[in-house]
Amino acid sequence: TIEGAQRSEELLQWLQQDVEAQNQGAEGNLAISRAHYTVVLDAYVSAGDLVQARKLLLRMIKVFRSDDDHKKQNSDSYHIVLNVLLHAYVRQNNAVAAASLLQDVARSAPPRIVDYHVVLTSLAKQGLASAARNLVSHMEQQKHKAAAQPNLVSYNLLLEAMQKQLQNEASNAKVLLRQMEGVWHRIQDSFAPNIDSYTSMIQAMASAAATVDSTAKDRQEWADKAKLLWEEAISDNMDDTMANQNVLKSSLILSMMNMYANLQTDSAARSAEQLLLRHNEDLLVDDTGAQDTTLIAYNTLLKAWKHNLVQSDRIFQEMRKRNLANTLSYTSYLSTLAHSIGKKGNGNKKGEQKALAQKAQSLLDDMTASSLAKPNTWTYNSVLHCWSNCNVARAEQLLKEMEKSPDCPPTTSSYTTVMNGWARAGGDRDNDLEQIQHL
């Protein structure tokens, strides 16, 4: 508890005062060590008061800074308690504060490389590229002879943080890609890129290609660069962890497939499909599990063919036969159906539109009865799009079902879809209302 930690700190202060008095000539044989501070610091960490734990750690460093005997004797305890505090910050989703702590303690007690990587890993997962970049820059600028310098893992984590930020914030994709290329060149100059290096770079280019403001020229340029990186990654020049075992991590394969998928062309989609056929066995040996990685790969193919209903239908039916299709699979395919119905010059005959809409409704009904692929709001929205283009009254009925559903409530987009449907329907409303009675 906080109260227990505070009481422990009071006793620590008493001991500190008695030791100081003893050093001034008072009698006694008391001694204080980092272990005493560690007890109190652990108490604050356990109670969740990381602010006080941080203050205590900095005070401990200051107290023992000039005590060579205690430094040598208790260096392990210092690193242990620092690592505990860093992990506590990470658990509280406050890696930025952990990074600040590392920079504070580095002035007097250089952290180990593992301490930096605890924080960089958390920053990377959250896509906090600026904080990760600042921390790596701090490591590079350290002058202390015992200071940890960034290694390949450090730079890979920085690449991952930048890639995640690019994925989350598409507005400055080009700027982030240029910054990543700078880190990439640093890796090439000082280390040999490994599979994690290549994966982050390829995935970043794939994410950039998916942004709404990317041009066809941009996407092709990134695809060409990604292909060069891919070929380099699987070449005979790779290190033992890749080439000699002849096993590619699924993340690399999926990243390249995603790059092709985001180009949204028939040729790119075929390249993604060929990649899966060529490296299907590499997916099967991945430690994340064959079913998961194969499912992700097929869902990526659905995305790659979302502009082509015939090919998308082929992939989707194969997934259903193999019992691979999940909620995302159904939703992606239904989205393709909706896009095909609404696209001018494609399925624009009323009868063809209604046949596709009925197919979408049947798939939604199958999902509702299934225990493996339950529909979500986005699934319903795709079916709404289908009906709104050919039978708006049926779309409105589905919207009312969503309003009653605790699991698939309508969004603003749901209402907008039906409103737009009625606006387009014009005088067909009575006919649609009559037809719905026969469903």
Foldseek 3Di string as FASTA:
>chain_A
DVVVLVVLVVVVVVLVVVVVVVVVPDDDDGDDAVVSLLVSLVVCLVVVNLVVSLVSLLVRLVVCLPPVVRCVVCVVVNQVSLQSSCVSCLVVLNLLVNLVSQLVCCVRRAHEPVSLLSSLQSLLVVLVLVSLVVSLVSQCPDDDPPHDHDDLSSLLSSLSSLLVVCLVDVPPLVVSLVVLVVSVVVCVVPHDDALSNLLSNLLSLLSNLQDPPDDLVSLVVSLVVNVVSLCVRADCPHDCVDPVVVAHALSSLLSNLSSLLSSQDPVSLVVLVVSCVVRVVSCCPHPVHNLVSVLSSLLSSLSSCLCPLVSNVVSLVVCVVVVNDAQSSLLSNLLSLLCQCPDPPGLVDLVSLVVSLVVLVVVQVVQCPDPGHHYEQSSLQSSLSSCLSHQLVVSVVSLVVLCVDPGHHHDPSSVVSSVVSCVVCPPCNVVSVVVVVVD
